[in-house]
């Protein structure tokens, strides 16, 4: 099959990272807003998985894990009203740091 006839395979997008807050009180506010964010995001057709959790080694760190069917799905998610609302909450909060990255996934191997 030549390049002109080959369909481009969509690559899943994995988003992972953390947001560090200055206090556990700040974490509580983010998690409250996060509950709505997670519920709404999981309804999106391109969302495979979406999770926030507290890091067991650092109670002021929220871990993020997301799986999207492709970059278009993630781009659409970034434009949703619930994302805008949640980002407003994050920007108003007292953050100590953050690192969130998106990765292209070429495939998966089931481990469990």
PDB file of N, CA and C in Angstrom:
ATOM      1  N   UNK A   1       0.854  -1.178   0.000  1.00  0.00           N
ATOM      2  CA  UNK A   1       0.000   0.000   0.000  1.00  0.00           C
ATOM      3  C   UNK A   1       0.899   1.239   0.000  1.00  0.00           C
ATOM      4  N   UNK A   2       0.684   2.128  -0.950  1.00  0.00           N
ATOM      5  CA  UNK A   2       1.527   3.313  -0.997  1.00  0.00           C
ATOM      6  C   UNK A   2       1.016   4.385  -0.033  1.00  0.00           C
ATOM      7  N   UNK A   3       1.829   5.418   0.165  1.00  0.00           N
ATOM      8  CA  UNK A   3       1.505   6.465   1.130  1.00  0.00           C
ATOM      9  C   UNK A   3       0.213   7.199   0.821  1.00  0.00           C
ATOM     10  N   UNK A   4      -0.141   7.323  -0.458  1.00  0.00           N
ATOM     11  CA  UNK A   4      -1.354   8.049  -0.823  1.00  0.00           C
ATOM     12  C   UNK A   4      -2.607   7.295  -0.399  1.00  0.00           C
ATOM     13  N   UNK A   5      -2.535   5.961  -0.368  1.00  0.00           N
ATOM     14  CA  UNK A   5      -3.710   5.163  -0.021  1.00  0.00           C
ATOM     15  C   UNK A   5      -3.766   4.761   1.450  1.00  0.00           C
ATOM     16  N   UNK A   6      -2.691   4.960   2.159  1.00  0.00           N
ATOM     17  CA  UNK A   6      -2.635   4.548   3.557  1.00  0.00           C
ATOM     18  C   UNK A   6      -3.347   5.574   4.441  1.00  0.00           C
ATOM     19  N   UNK A   7      -4.228   5.085   5.300  1.00  0.00           N
ATOM     20  CA  UNK A   7      -4.892   5.980   6.238  1.00  0.00           C
ATOM     21  C   UNK A   7      -3.936   6.297   7.378  1.00  0.00           C
ATOM     22  N   UNK A   8      -3.950   7.531   7.798  1.00  0.00           N
ATOM     23  CA  UNK A   8      -3.119   7.915   8.933  1.00  0.00           C
ATOM     24  C   UNK A   8      -3.771   7.397  10.210  1.00  0.00           C
ATOM     25  N   UNK A   9      -3.022   6.654  10.966  1.00  0.00           N
ATOM     26  CA  UNK A   9      -3.533   6.091  12.208  1.00  0.00           C
ATOM     27  C   UNK A   9      -3.587   7.183  13.274  1.00  0.00           C
ATOM     28  N   UNK A  10      -4.743   7.272  13.942  1.00  0.00           N
ATOM     29  CA  UNK A  10      -4.875   8.237  15.026  1.00  0.00           C
ATOM     30  C   UNK A  10      -4.057   7.760  16.217  1.00  0.00           C
ATOM     31  N   UNK A  11      -3.407   8.693  16.870  1.00  0.00           N
ATOM     32  CA  UNK A  11      -2.651   8.359  18.065  1.00  0.00           C
ATOM     33  C   UNK A  11      -3.408   8.844  19.287  1.00  0.00           C
ATOM     34  N   UNK A  12      -3.558   7.933  20.245  1.00  0.00           N
ATOM     35  CA  UNK A  12      -4.183   8.324  21.500  1.00  0.00           C
ATOM     36  C   UNK A  12      -3.273   9.326  22.201  1.00  0.00           C
ATOM     37  N   UNK A  13      -3.878  10.163  23.004  1.00  0.00           N
ATOM     38  CA  UNK A  13      -3.135  11.155  23.768  1.00  0.00           C
ATOM     39  C   UNK A  13      -3.276  10.826  25.251  1.00  0.00           C
ATOM     40  N   UNK A  14      -2.141  10.751  25.931  1.00  0.00           N
ATOM     41  CA  UNK A  14      -2.098  10.536  27.370  1.00  0.00           C
ATOM     42  C   UNK A  14      -1.638  11.847  27.998  1.00  0.00           C
ATOM     43  N   UNK A  15      -2.394  12.337  28.964  1.00  0.00           N
ATOM     44  CA  UNK A  15      -2.014  13.542  29.698  1.00  0.00           C
ATOM     45  C   UNK A  15      -1.714  13.120  31.128  1.00  0.00           C
ATOM     46  N   UNK A  16      -0.589  13.559  31.622  1.00  0.00           N
ATOM     47  CA  UNK A  16      -0.221  13.231  32.995  1.00  0.00           C
ATOM     48  C   UNK A  16       0.552  14.364  33.627  1.00  0.00           C
ATOM     49  N   UNK A  17       0.446  14.440  34.941  1.00  0.00           N
ATOM     50  CA  UNK A  17       1.205  15.467  35.632  1.00  0.00           C
ATOM     51  C   UNK A  17       0.663  15.722  37.013  1.00  0.00           C
ATOM     52  N   UNK A  18       1.010  16.883  37.521  1.00  0.00           N
ATOM     53  CA  UNK A  18       0.589  17.234  38.874  1.00  0.00           C
ATOM     54  C   UNK A  18       0.380  18.735  39.005  1.00  0.00           C
ATOM     55  N   UNK A  19      -0.384  19.093  40.024  1.00  0.00           N
ATOM     56  CA  UNK A  19      -0.543  20.478  40.448  1.00  0.00           C
ATOM     57  C   UNK A  19      -0.276  20.481  41.946  1.00  0.00           C
ATOM     58  N   UNK A  20       0.707  21.267  42.385  1.00  0.00           N
ATOM     59  CA  UNK A  20       1.008  21.409  43.806  1.00  0.00           C
ATOM     60  C   UNK A  20       0.312  22.653  44.335  1.00  0.00           C
ATOM     61  N   UNK A  21      -0.368  22.495  45.456  1.00  0.00           N
ATOM     62  CA  UNK A  21      -1.050  23.609  46.095  1.00  0.00           C
ATOM     63  C   UNK A  21      -0.290  23.995  47.357  1.00  0.00           C
ATOM     64  N   UNK A  22      -0.503  25.225  47.836  1.00  0.00           N
ATOM     65  CA  UNK A  22       0.217  25.698  49.015  1.00  0.00           C
ATOM     66  C   UNK A  22      -0.284  25.080  50.310  1.00  0.00           C
ATOM     67  N   UNK A  23      -1.532  24.595  50.326  1.00  0.00           N
ATOM     68  CA  UNK A  23      -2.071  24.036  51.570  1.00  0.00           C
ATOM     69  C   UNK A  23      -3.130  22.982  51.258  1.00  0.00           C
ATOM     70  N   UNK A  24      -3.443  22.193  52.265  1.00  0.00           N
ATOM     71  CA  UNK A  24      -4.503  21.202  52.106  1.00  0.00           C
ATOM     72  C   UNK A  24      -5.862  21.876  51.935  1.00  0.00           C
ATOM     73  N   UNK A  25      -6.030  23.096  52.478  1.00  0.00           N
ATOM     74  CA  UNK A  25      -7.280  23.841  52.272  1.00  0.00           C
ATOM     75  C   UNK A  25      -7.447  24.180  50.791  1.00  0.00           C
ATOM     76  N   UNK A  26      -6.364  24.541  50.131  1.00  0.00           N
ATOM     77  CA  UNK A  26      -6.411  24.817  48.693  1.00  0.00           C
ATOM     78  C   UNK A  26      -6.752  23.543  47.918  1.00  0.00           C
ATOM     79  N   UNK A  27      -6.220  22.419  48.363  1.00  0.00           N
ATOM     80  CA  UNK A  27      -6.525  21.127  47.737  1.00  0.00           C
ATOM     81  C   UNK A  27      -8.020  20.856  47.808  1.00  0.00           C
ATOM     82  N   UNK A  28      -8.625  21.111  48.961  1.00  0.00           N
ATOM     83  CA  UNK A  28     -10.061  20.856  49.137  1.00  0.00           C
ATOM     84  C   UNK A  28     -10.882  21.656  48.128  1.00  0.00           C
ATOM     85  N   UNK A  29     -10.527  22.908  47.909  1.00  0.00           N
ATOM     86  CA  UNK A  29     -11.258  23.749  46.949  1.00  0.00           C
ATOM     87  C   UNK A  29     -11.106  23.217  45.526  1.00  0.00           C
ATOM     88  N   UNK A  30      -9.905  22.777  45.179  1.00  0.00           N
ATOM     89  CA  UNK A  30      -9.664  22.248  43.838  1.00  0.00           C
ATOM     90  C   UNK A  30     -10.427  20.941  43.640  1.00  0.00           C
ATOM     91  N   UNK A  31     -10.414  20.091  44.652  1.00  0.00           N
ATOM     92  CA  UNK A  31     -11.123  18.811  44.524  1.00  0.00           C
ATOM     93  C   UNK A  31     -12.629  19.012  44.396  1.00  0.00           C
ATOM     94  N   UNK A  32     -13.163  20.002  45.098  1.00  0.00           N
ATOM     95  CA  UNK A  32     -14.599  20.294  44.967  1.00  0.00           C
ATOM     96  C   UNK A  32     -14.919  20.686  43.526  1.00  0.00           C
ATOM     97  N   UNK A  33     -14.128  21.579  42.964  1.00  0.00           N
ATOM     98  CA  UNK A  33     -14.324  21.972  41.562  1.00  0.00           C
ATOM     99  C   UNK A  33     -14.021  20.799  40.637  1.00  0.00           C
ATOM    100  N   UNK A  34     -13.063  19.970  41.026  1.00  0.00           N
ATOM    101  CA  UNK A  34     -12.668  18.829  40.215  1.00  0.00           C
ATOM    102  C   UNK A  34     -13.744  17.774  40.074  1.00  0.00           C
ATOM    103  N   UNK A  35     -14.586  17.624  41.088  1.00  0.00           N
ATOM    104  CA  UNK A  35     -15.670  16.633  41.004  1.00  0.00           C
ATOM    105  C   UNK A  35     -16.576  16.911  39.814  1.00  0.00           C
ATOM    106  N   UNK A  36     -16.974  18.165  39.640  1.00  0.00           N
ATOM    107  CA  UNK A  36     -17.814  18.542  38.496  1.00  0.00           C
ATOM    108  C   UNK A  36     -17.038  18.380  37.190  1.00  0.00           C
ATOM    109  N   UNK A  37     -15.783  18.788  37.219  1.00  0.00           N
ATOM    110  CA  UNK A  37     -14.946  18.697  36.025  1.00  0.00           C
ATOM    111  C   UNK A  37     -14.837  17.255  35.539  1.00  0.00           C
ATOM    112  N   UNK A  38     -14.552  16.339  36.452  1.00  0.00           N
ATOM    113  CA  UNK A  38     -14.413  14.930  36.083  1.00  0.00           C
ATOM    114  C   UNK A  38     -15.734  14.392  35.546  1.00  0.00           C
ATOM    115  N   UNK A  39     -16.833  14.671  36.243  1.00  0.00           N
ATOM    116  CA  UNK A  39     -18.142  14.162  35.814  1.00  0.00           C
ATOM    117  C   UNK A  39     -18.491  14.642  34.409  1.00  0.00           C
ATOM    118  N   UNK A  40     -18.275  15.915  34.127  1.00  0.00           N
ATOM    119  CA  UNK A  40     -18.592  16.461  32.805  1.00  0.00           C
ATOM    120  C   UNK A  40     -17.632  15.945  31.736  1.00  0.00           C
ATOM    121  N   UNK A  41     -16.370  15.844  32.077  1.00  0.00           N
ATOM    122  CA  UNK A  41     -15.378  15.394  31.102  1.00  0.00           C
ATOM    123  C   UNK A  41     -15.610  13.953  30.689  1.00  0.00           C
ATOM    124  N   UNK A  42     -15.971  13.102  31.629  1.00  0.00           N
ATOM    125  CA  UNK A  42     -16.209  11.694  31.303  1.00  0.00           C
ATOM    126  C   UNK A  42     -17.384  11.501  30.343  1.00  0.00           C
ATOM    127  N   UNK A  43     -18.228  12.522  30.183  1.00  0.00           N
ATOM    128  CA  UNK A  43     -19.339  12.477  29.228  1.00  0.00           C
ATOM    129  C   UNK A  43     -18.878  12.792  27.800  1.00  0.00           C
ATOM    130  N   UNK A  44     -17.693  13.358  27.649  1.00  0.00           N
ATOM    131  CA  UNK A  44     -17.199  13.745  26.326  1.00  0.00           C
ATOM    132  C   UNK A  44     -16.890  12.496  25.500  1.00  0.00           C
ATOM    133  N   UNK A  45     -17.296  12.523  24.237  1.00  0.00           N
ATOM    134  CA  UNK A  45     -17.156  11.332  23.393  1.00  0.00           C
ATOM    135  C   UNK A  45     -15.705  10.913  23.171  1.00  0.00           C
ATOM    136  N   UNK A  46     -14.769  11.826  23.206  1.00  0.00           N
ATOM    137  CA  UNK A  46     -13.374  11.483  22.965  1.00  0.00           C
ATOM    138  C   UNK A  46     -12.577  11.120  24.200  1.00  0.00           C
ATOM    139  N   UNK A  47     -13.232  11.150  25.359  1.00  0.00           N
ATOM    140  CA  UNK A  47     -12.540  10.858  26.614  1.00  0.00           C
ATOM    141  C   UNK A  47     -12.587   9.361  26.910  1.00  0.00           C
ATOM    142  N   UNK A  48     -11.426   8.760  27.093  1.00  0.00           N
ATOM    143  CA  UNK A  48     -11.324   7.348  27.450  1.00  0.00           C
ATOM    144  C   UNK A  48     -11.200   7.208  28.964  1.00  0.00           C
ATOM    145  N   UNK A  49     -10.416   8.089  29.602  1.00  0.00           N
ATOM    146  CA  UNK A  49     -10.218   8.062  31.054  1.00  0.00           C
ATOM    147  C   UNK A  49      -9.839   9.457  31.515  1.00  0.00           C
ATOM    148  N   UNK A  50     -10.259   9.800  32.725  1.00  0.00           N
ATOM    149  CA  UNK A  50      -9.991  11.129  33.261  1.00  0.00           C
ATOM    150  C   UNK A  50     -10.022  11.038  34.772  1.00  0.00           C
ATOM    151  N   UNK A  51      -8.922  11.382  35.427  1.00  0.00           N
ATOM    152  CA  UNK A  51      -8.834  11.164  36.863  1.00  0.00           C
ATOM    153  C   UNK A  51      -7.978  12.220  37.544  1.00  0.00           C
ATOM    154  N   UNK A  52      -8.452  12.687  38.690  1.00  0.00           N
ATOM    155  CA  UNK A  52      -7.655  13.498  39.612  1.00  0.00           C
ATOM    156  C   UNK A  52      -7.502  12.670  40.877  1.00  0.00           C
ATOM    157  N   UNK A  53      -6.356  12.740  41.513  1.00  0.00           N
ATOM    158  CA  UNK A  53      -6.184  12.060  42.800  1.00  0.00           C
ATOM    159  C   UNK A  53      -5.135  12.788  43.628  1.00  0.00           C
ATOM    160  N   UNK A  54      -5.216  12.591  44.939  1.00  0.00           N
ATOM    161  CA  UNK A  54      -4.216  13.145  45.841  1.00  0.00           C
ATOM    162  C   UNK A  54      -3.014  12.209  45.842  1.00  0.00           C
ATOM    163  N   UNK A  55      -1.840  12.767  45.755  1.00  0.00           N
ATOM    164  CA  UNK A  55      -0.608  11.983  45.810  1.00  0.00           C
ATOM    165  C   UNK A  55      -0.430  11.465  47.240  1.00  0.00           C
ATOM    166  N   UNK A  56      -0.299  10.155  47.417  1.00  0.00           N
ATOM    167  CA  UNK A  56      -0.206   9.612  48.777  1.00  0.00           C
ATOM    168  C   UNK A  56       1.086  10.029  49.481  1.00  0.00           C
ATOM    169  N   UNK A  57       2.070  10.468  48.749  1.00  0.00           N
ATOM    170  CA  UNK A  57       3.310  10.935  49.351  1.00  0.00           C
ATOM    171  C   UNK A  57       3.353  12.430  49.601  1.00  0.00           C
ATOM    172  N   UNK A  58       2.343  13.162  49.093  1.00  0.00           N
ATOM    173  CA  UNK A  58       2.325  14.614  49.237  1.00  0.00           C
ATOM    174  C   UNK A  58       0.868  15.076  49.237  1.00  0.00           C
ATOM    175  N   UNK A  59       0.294  15.363  50.416  1.00  0.00           N
ATOM    176  CA  UNK A  59      -1.127  15.720  50.492  1.00  0.00           C
ATOM    177  C   UNK A  59      -1.483  17.063  49.856  1.00  0.00           C
ATOM    178  N   UNK A  60      -0.489  17.812  49.395  1.00  0.00           N
ATOM    179  CA  UNK A  60      -0.753  19.077  48.710  1.00  0.00           C
ATOM    180  C   UNK A  60      -0.545  18.958  47.199  1.00  0.00           C
ATOM    181  N   UNK A  61      -0.449  17.721  46.714  1.00  0.00           N
ATOM    182  CA  UNK A  61      -0.245  17.487  45.278  1.00  0.00           C
ATOM    183  C   UNK A  61      -1.429  16.728  44.700  1.00  0.00           C
ATOM    184  N   UNK A  62      -1.992  17.268  43.616  1.00  0.00           N
ATOM    185  CA  UNK A  62      -3.037  16.587  42.854  1.00  0.00           C
ATOM    186  C   UNK A  62      -2.372  15.976  41.626  1.00  0.00           C
ATOM    187  N   UNK A  63      -2.601  14.696  41.418  1.00  0.00           N
ATOM    188  CA  UNK A  63      -2.107  13.997  40.231  1.00  0.00           C
ATOM    189  C   UNK A  63      -3.209  13.995  39.181  1.00  0.00           C
ATOM    190  N   UNK A  64      -2.827  14.178  37.931  1.00  0.00           N
ATOM    191  CA  UNK A  64      -3.771  14.151  36.816  1.00  0.00           C
ATOM    192  C   UNK A  64      -3.416  13.005  35.886  1.00  0.00           C
ATOM    193  N   UNK A  65      -4.433  12.330  35.390  1.00  0.00           N
ATOM    194  CA  UNK A  65      -4.233  11.283  34.392  1.00  0.00           C
ATOM    195  C   UNK A  65      -5.418  11.323  33.445  1.00  0.00           C
ATOM    196  N   UNK A  66      -5.137  11.449  32.162  1.00  0.00           N
ATOM    197  CA  UNK A  66      -6.188  11.525  31.150  1.00  0.00           C
ATOM    198  C   UNK A  66      -5.794  10.677  29.947  1.00  0.00           C
ATOM    199  N   UNK A  67      -6.794  10.090  29.301  1.00  0.00           N
ATOM    200  CA  UNK A  67      -6.575   9.382  28.040  1.00  0.00           C
ATOM    201  C   UNK A  67      -7.638   9.874  27.062  1.00  0.00           C
ATOM    202  N   UNK A  68      -7.192  10.296  25.876  1.00  0.00           N
ATOM    203  CA  UNK A  68      -8.070  10.824  24.826  1.00  0.00           C
ATOM    204  C   UNK A  68      -7.885  10.002  23.564  1.00  0.00           C
ATOM    205  N   UNK A  69      -8.962   9.873  22.768  1.00  0.00           N
ATOM    206  CA  UNK A  69      -8.865   9.061  21.551  1.00  0.00           C
ATOM    207  C   UNK A  69      -7.896   9.658  20.540  1.00  0.00           C
ATOM    208  N   UNK A  70      -7.746  10.990  20.558  1.00  0.00           N
ATOM    209  CA  UNK A  70      -6.796  11.648  19.661  1.00  0.00           C
ATOM    210  C   UNK A  70      -6.642  13.105  20.066  1.00  0.00           C
ATOM    211  N   UNK A  71      -5.770  13.812  19.371  1.00  0.00           N
ATOM    212  CA  UNK A  71      -5.506  15.214  19.692  1.00  0.00           C
ATOM    213  C   UNK A  71      -6.743  16.080  19.488  1.00  0.00           C
ATOM    214  N   UNK A  72      -7.549  15.768  18.483  1.00  0.00           N
ATOM    215  CA  UNK A  72      -8.771  16.546  18.250  1.00  0.00           C
ATOM    216  C   UNK A  72      -9.702  16.485  19.450  1.00  0.00           C
ATOM    217  N   UNK A  73      -9.801  15.314  20.079  1.00  0.00           N
ATOM    218  CA  UNK A  73     -10.661  15.167  21.258  1.00  0.00           C
ATOM    219  C   UNK A  73     -10.132  16.011  22.416  1.00  0.00           C
ATOM    220  N   UNK A  74      -8.827  16.003  22.614  1.00  0.00           N
ATOM    221  CA  UNK A  74      -8.240  16.830  23.677  1.00  0.00           C
ATOM    222  C   UNK A  74      -8.436  18.309  23.371  1.00  0.00           C
ATOM    223  N   UNK A  75      -8.232  18.703  22.124  1.00  0.00           N
ATOM    224  CA  UNK A  75      -8.435  20.102  21.736  1.00  0.00           C
ATOM    225  C   UNK A  75      -9.872  20.539  21.998  1.00  0.00           C
ATOM    226  N   UNK A  76     -10.838  19.680  21.669  1.00  0.00           N
ATOM    227  CA  UNK A  76     -12.248  20.001  21.912  1.00  0.00           C
ATOM    228  C   UNK A  76     -12.509  20.140  23.408  1.00  0.00           C
ATOM    229  N   UNK A  77     -11.926  19.255  24.199  1.00  0.00           N
ATOM    230  CA  UNK A  77     -12.079  19.314  25.658  1.00  0.00           C
ATOM    231  C   UNK A  77     -11.578  20.653  26.203  1.00  0.00           C
ATOM    232  N   UNK A  78     -10.474  21.124  25.679  1.00  0.00           N
ATOM    233  CA  UNK A  78      -9.886  22.372  26.171  1.00  0.00           C
ATOM    234  C   UNK A  78     -10.789  23.579  25.913  1.00  0.00           C
ATOM    235  N   UNK A  79     -11.770  23.438  25.017  1.00  0.00           N
ATOM    236  CA  UNK A  79     -12.683  24.531  24.680  1.00  0.00           C
ATOM    237  C   UNK A  79     -14.031  24.442  25.395  1.00  0.00           C
ATOM    238  N   UNK A  80     -14.233  23.452  26.243  1.00  0.00           N
ATOM    239  CA  UNK A  80     -15.531  23.262  26.894  1.00  0.00           C
ATOM    240  C   UNK A  80     -15.749  24.268  28.018  1.00  0.00           C
ATOM    241  N   UNK A  81     -17.014  24.590  28.310  1.00  0.00           N
ATOM    242  CA  UNK A  81     -17.309  25.493  29.430  1.00  0.00           C
ATOM    243  C   UNK A  81     -16.809  24.951  30.771  1.00  0.00           C
ATOM    244  N   UNK A  82     -16.905  23.635  30.984  1.00  0.00           N
ATOM    245  CA  UNK A  82     -16.445  23.105  32.278  1.00  0.00           C
ATOM    246  C   UNK A  82     -14.930  23.214  32.416  1.00  0.00           C
ATOM    247  N   UNK A  83     -14.194  23.139  31.316  1.00  0.00           N
ATOM    248  CA  UNK A  83     -12.743  23.327  31.387  1.00  0.00           C
ATOM    249  C   UNK A  83     -12.419  24.779  31.719  1.00  0.00           C
ATOM    250  N   UNK A  84     -13.124  25.712  31.091  1.00  0.00           N
ATOM    251  CA  UNK A  84     -12.896  27.133  31.368  1.00  0.00           C
ATOM    252  C   UNK A  84     -13.183  27.446  32.836  1.00  0.00           C
ATOM    253  N   UNK A  85     -14.266  26.893  33.350  1.00  0.00           N
ATOM    254  CA  UNK A  85     -14.629  27.118  34.755  1.00  0.00           C
ATOM    255  C   UNK A  85     -13.559  26.539  35.682  1.00  0.00           C
ATOM    256  N   UNK A  86     -13.132  25.322  35.400  1.00  0.00           N
ATOM    257  CA  UNK A  86     -12.130  24.681  36.243  1.00  0.00           C
ATOM    258  C   UNK A  86     -10.793  25.429  36.187  1.00  0.00           C
ATOM    259  N   UNK A  87     -10.390  25.852  35.004  1.00  0.00           N
ATOM    260  CA  UNK A  87      -9.132  26.595  34.877  1.00  0.00           C
ATOM    261  C   UNK A  87      -9.196  27.916  35.640  1.00  0.00           C
ATOM    262  N   UNK A  88     -10.375  28.534  35.685  1.00  0.00           N
ATOM    263  CA  UNK A  88     -10.543  29.741  36.493  1.00  0.00           C
ATOM    264  C   UNK A  88     -10.287  29.462  37.962  1.00  0.00           C
ATOM    265  N   UNK A  89     -10.805  28.336  38.440  1.00  0.00           N
ATOM    266  CA  UNK A  89     -10.583  27.939  39.832  1.00  0.00           C
ATOM    267  C   UNK A  89      -9.100  27.694  40.086  1.00  0.00           C
ATOM    268  N   UNK A  90      -8.450  26.993  39.174  1.00  0.00           N
ATOM    269  CA  UNK A  90      -7.015  26.713  39.315  1.00  0.00           C
ATOM    270  C   UNK A  90      -6.209  28.015  39.343  1.00  0.00           C
ATOM    271  N   UNK A  91      -6.534  28.945  38.461  1.00  0.00           N
ATOM    272  CA  UNK A  91      -5.770  30.189  38.371  1.00  0.00           C
ATOM    273  C   UNK A  91      -5.955  31.068  39.610  1.00  0.00           C
ATOM    274  N   UNK A  92      -7.112  30.970  40.260  1.00  0.00           N
ATOM    275  CA  UNK A  92      -7.361  31.750  41.475  1.00  0.00           C
ATOM    276  C   UNK A  92      -6.737  31.113  42.711  1.00  0.00           C
ATOM    277  N   UNK A  93      -6.424  29.845  42.655  1.00  0.00           N
ATOM    278  CA  UNK A  93      -5.901  29.114  43.811  1.00  0.00           C
ATOM    279  C   UNK A  93      -4.430  29.454  44.050  1.00  0.00           C
ATOM    280  N   UNK A  94      -4.000  29.178  45.260  1.00  0.00           N
ATOM    281  CA  UNK A  94      -2.602  29.399  45.633  1.00  0.00           C
ATOM    282  C   UNK A  94      -1.805  28.150  45.279  1.00  0.00           C
ATOM    283  N   UNK A  95      -1.187  28.212  44.106  1.00  0.00           N
ATOM    284  CA  UNK A  95      -0.408  27.072  43.626  1.00  0.00           C
ATOM    285  C   UNK A  95       1.052  27.205  44.041  1.00  0.00           C
ATOM    286  N   UNK A  96       1.679  26.069  44.273  1.00  0.00           N
ATOM    287  CA  UNK A  96       3.107  26.043  44.580  1.00  0.00           C
ATOM    288  C   UNK A  96       3.908  25.568  43.372  1.00  0.00           C
ATOM    289  N   UNK A  97       3.227  25.023  42.378  1.00  0.00           N
ATOM    290  CA  UNK A  97       3.905  24.540  41.181  1.00  0.00           C
ATOM    291  C   UNK A  97       3.002  23.611  40.400  1.00  0.00           C
ATOM    292  N   UNK A  98       3.399  23.320  39.188  1.00  0.00           N
ATOM    293  CA  UNK A  98       2.616  22.409  38.347  1.00  0.00           C
ATOM    294  C   UNK A  98       3.479  21.918  37.195  1.00  0.00           C
ATOM    295  N   UNK A  99       3.163  20.727  36.753  1.00  0.00           N
ATOM    296  CA  UNK A  99       3.786  20.165  35.554  1.00  0.00           C
ATOM    297  C   UNK A  99       2.791  19.189  34.941  1.00  0.00           C
ATOM    298  N   UNK A 100       2.281  19.521  33.774  1.00  0.00           N
ATOM    299  CA  UNK A 100       1.315  18.668  33.075  1.00  0.00           C
ATOM    300  C   UNK A 100       1.765  18.579  31.616  1.00  0.00           C
ATOM    301  N   UNK A 101       1.860  17.351  31.103  1.00  0.00           N
ATOM    302  CA  UNK A 101       2.319  17.139  29.730  1.00  0.00           C
ATOM    303  C   UNK A 101       1.393  16.185  28.997  1.00  0.00           C
ATOM    304  N   UNK A 102       1.346  16.328  27.676  1.00  0.00           N
ATOM    305  CA  UNK A 102       0.578  15.420  26.822  1.00  0.00           C
ATOM    306  C   UNK A 102       1.561  14.589  26.007  1.00  0.00           C
ATOM    307  N   UNK A 103       1.244  13.303  25.865  1.00  0.00           N
ATOM    308  CA  UNK A 103       2.098  12.365  25.151  1.00  0.00           C
ATOM    309  C   UNK A 103       1.279  11.638  24.093  1.00  0.00           C
ATOM    310  N   UNK A 104       1.862  11.408  22.923  1.00  0.00           N
ATOM    311  CA  UNK A 104       1.222  10.579  21.905  1.00  0.00           C
ATOM    312  C   UNK A 104       1.512   9.119  22.216  1.00  0.00           C
ATOM    313  N   UNK A 105       0.484   8.300  22.179  1.00  0.00           N
ATOM    314  CA  UNK A 105       0.651   6.868  22.449  1.00  0.00           C
ATOM    315  C   UNK A 105       0.444   6.093  21.157  1.00  0.00           C
ATOM    316  N   UNK A 106       1.417   5.318  20.787  1.00  0.00           N
ATOM    317  CA  UNK A 106       1.338   4.539  19.563  1.00  0.00           C
ATOM    318  C   UNK A 106       0.661   3.197  19.740  1.00  0.00           C
ATOM    319  N   UNK A 107       0.493   2.759  20.952  1.00  0.00           N
ATOM    320  CA  UNK A 107      -0.127   1.467  21.214  1.00  0.00           C
ATOM    321  C   UNK A 107      -0.110   1.185  22.702  1.00  0.00           C
ATOM    322  N   UNK A 108      -0.729   0.093  23.073  1.00  0.00           N
ATOM    323  CA  UNK A 108      -0.795  -0.268  24.487  1.00  0.00           C
ATOM    324  C   UNK A 108      -0.645  -1.773  24.637  1.00  0.00           C
ATOM    325  N   UNK A 109      -0.070  -2.159  25.743  1.00  0.00           N
ATOM    326  CA  UNK A 109       0.045  -3.559  26.116  1.00  0.00           C
ATOM    327  C   UNK A 109      -0.634  -3.729  27.461  1.00  0.00           C
ATOM    328  N   UNK A 110      -1.613  -4.609  27.533  1.00  0.00           N
ATOM    329  CA  UNK A 110      -2.328  -4.822  28.785  1.00  0.00           C
ATOM    330  C   UNK A 110      -1.409  -5.527  29.779  1.00  0.00           C
ATOM    331  N   UNK A 111      -1.278  -4.946  30.975  1.00  0.00           N
ATOM    332  CA  UNK A 111      -0.417  -5.504  32.006  1.00  0.00           C
ATOM    333  C   UNK A 111      -1.194  -6.251  33.083  1.00  0.00           C
ATOM    334  N   UNK A 112      -2.438  -5.940  33.259  1.00  0.00           N
ATOM    335  CA  UNK A 112      -3.284  -6.624  34.248  1.00  0.00           C
ATOM    336  C   UNK A 112      -4.655  -6.848  33.659  1.00  0.00           C
TER     337      UNK A 112
END
